[in-house]
């Protein structure tokens, strides 16, 4: 039984990975990582979430 999906998360993930690969071509992995982290930190949802996780990780390491 198949259903007619309106949203395909696997395709979306693939498309995003391809876009990141295009943006990252010709630059170092370090620079690519830095750019991706800047985008995460500027995102109104992901930025605060990442900061909270990072702070929690620092607390656990102590």
C-alpha atoms as a PDB file:
ATOM      1  CA  UNK A   1       0.000   0.000   0.000  1.00  0.00           C
ATOM      2  CA  UNK A   2       1.459   3.340  -0.997  1.00  0.00           C
ATOM      3  CA  UNK A   3       0.312   6.785  -0.100  1.00  0.00           C
ATOM      4  CA  UNK A   4       0.646   9.984  -2.042  1.00  0.00           C
ATOM      5  CA  UNK A   5       3.048  11.973   0.123  1.00  0.00           C
ATOM      6  CA  UNK A   6       3.050  15.744  -0.084  1.00  0.00           C
ATOM      7  CA  UNK A   7       6.248  16.010   1.925  1.00  0.00           C
ATOM      8  CA  UNK A   8       9.314  13.814   1.482  1.00  0.00           C
ATOM      9  CA  UNK A   9      11.842  14.426   4.270  1.00  0.00           C
ATOM     10  CA  UNK A  10      14.493  12.217   2.640  1.00  0.00           C
ATOM     11  CA  UNK A  11      14.314  14.253  -0.578  1.00  0.00           C
ATOM     12  CA  UNK A  12      14.415  17.489   1.421  1.00  0.00           C
ATOM     13  CA  UNK A  13      17.535  16.298   3.296  1.00  0.00           C
ATOM     14  CA  UNK A  14      19.176  15.302   0.004  1.00  0.00           C
ATOM     15  CA  UNK A  15      18.375  18.671  -1.577  1.00  0.00           C
ATOM     16  CA  UNK A  16      19.786  20.565   1.412  1.00  0.00           C
ATOM     17  CA  UNK A  17      22.969  18.478   1.400  1.00  0.00           C
ATOM     18  CA  UNK A  18      23.428  19.164  -2.311  1.00  0.00           C
ATOM     19  CA  UNK A  19      22.975  22.903  -1.740  1.00  0.00           C
ATOM     20  CA  UNK A  20      25.544  22.892   1.069  1.00  0.00           C
ATOM     21  CA  UNK A  21      27.974  20.926  -1.117  1.00  0.00           C
ATOM     22  CA  UNK A  22      27.644  23.531  -3.883  1.00  0.00           C
ATOM     23  CA  UNK A  23      28.179  26.393  -1.432  1.00  0.00           C
ATOM     24  CA  UNK A  24      31.202  24.634   0.072  1.00  0.00           C
ATOM     25  CA  UNK A  25      32.966  23.710  -3.142  1.00  0.00           C
ATOM     26  CA  UNK A  26      36.371  25.305  -3.395  1.00  0.00           C
ATOM     27  CA  UNK A  27      36.733  26.231   0.285  1.00  0.00           C
ATOM     28  CA  UNK A  28      38.328  24.352   3.153  1.00  0.00           C
ATOM     29  CA  UNK A  29      36.330  22.124   5.489  1.00  0.00           C
ATOM     30  CA  UNK A  30      37.190  24.458   8.356  1.00  0.00           C
ATOM     31  CA  UNK A  31      35.863  27.492   6.513  1.00  0.00           C
ATOM     32  CA  UNK A  32      32.738  25.576   5.451  1.00  0.00           C
ATOM     33  CA  UNK A  33      32.107  24.564   9.060  1.00  0.00           C
ATOM     34  CA  UNK A  34      32.568  28.164  10.221  1.00  0.00           C
ATOM     35  CA  UNK A  35      30.031  29.420   7.650  1.00  0.00           C
ATOM     36  CA  UNK A  36      27.508  26.737   8.600  1.00  0.00           C
ATOM     37  CA  UNK A  37      27.870  27.572  12.297  1.00  0.00           C
ATOM     38  CA  UNK A  38      27.316  31.278  11.551  1.00  0.00           C
ATOM     39  CA  UNK A  39      24.075  30.353   9.786  1.00  0.00           C
ATOM     40  CA  UNK A  40      22.989  28.206  12.740  1.00  0.00           C
ATOM     41  CA  UNK A  41      23.745  30.966  15.238  1.00  0.00           C
ATOM     42  CA  UNK A  42      21.801  33.537  13.181  1.00  0.00           C
ATOM     43  CA  UNK A  43      18.751  31.281  12.926  1.00  0.00           C
ATOM     44  CA  UNK A  44      16.064  32.399  15.426  1.00  0.00           C
ATOM     45  CA  UNK A  45      15.237  28.793  16.379  1.00  0.00           C
ATOM     46  CA  UNK A  46      18.516  26.925  15.994  1.00  0.00           C
ATOM     47  CA  UNK A  47      20.736  29.642  17.500  1.00  0.00           C
ATOM     48  CA  UNK A  48      19.202  29.654  21.001  1.00  0.00           C
ATOM     49  CA  UNK A  49      18.821  25.861  20.892  1.00  0.00           C
ATOM     50  CA  UNK A  50      22.507  25.378  20.046  1.00  0.00           C
ATOM     51  CA  UNK A  51      23.598  27.821  22.762  1.00  0.00           C
ATOM     52  CA  UNK A  52      21.497  25.958  25.319  1.00  0.00           C
ATOM     53  CA  UNK A  53      22.967  22.600  24.285  1.00  0.00           C
ATOM     54  CA  UNK A  54      26.484  24.016  24.332  1.00  0.00           C
ATOM     55  CA  UNK A  55      26.010  25.416  27.846  1.00  0.00           C
ATOM     56  CA  UNK A  56      24.587  22.085  29.026  1.00  0.00           C
ATOM     57  CA  UNK A  57      27.594  20.263  27.592  1.00  0.00           C
ATOM     58  CA  UNK A  58      29.993  22.566  29.423  1.00  0.00           C
ATOM     59  CA  UNK A  59      28.143  21.909  32.683  1.00  0.00           C
ATOM     60  CA  UNK A  60      28.401  18.130  32.218  1.00  0.00           C
ATOM     61  CA  UNK A  61      32.158  18.290  31.465  1.00  0.00           C
ATOM     62  CA  UNK A  62      32.972  20.041  34.759  1.00  0.00           C
END
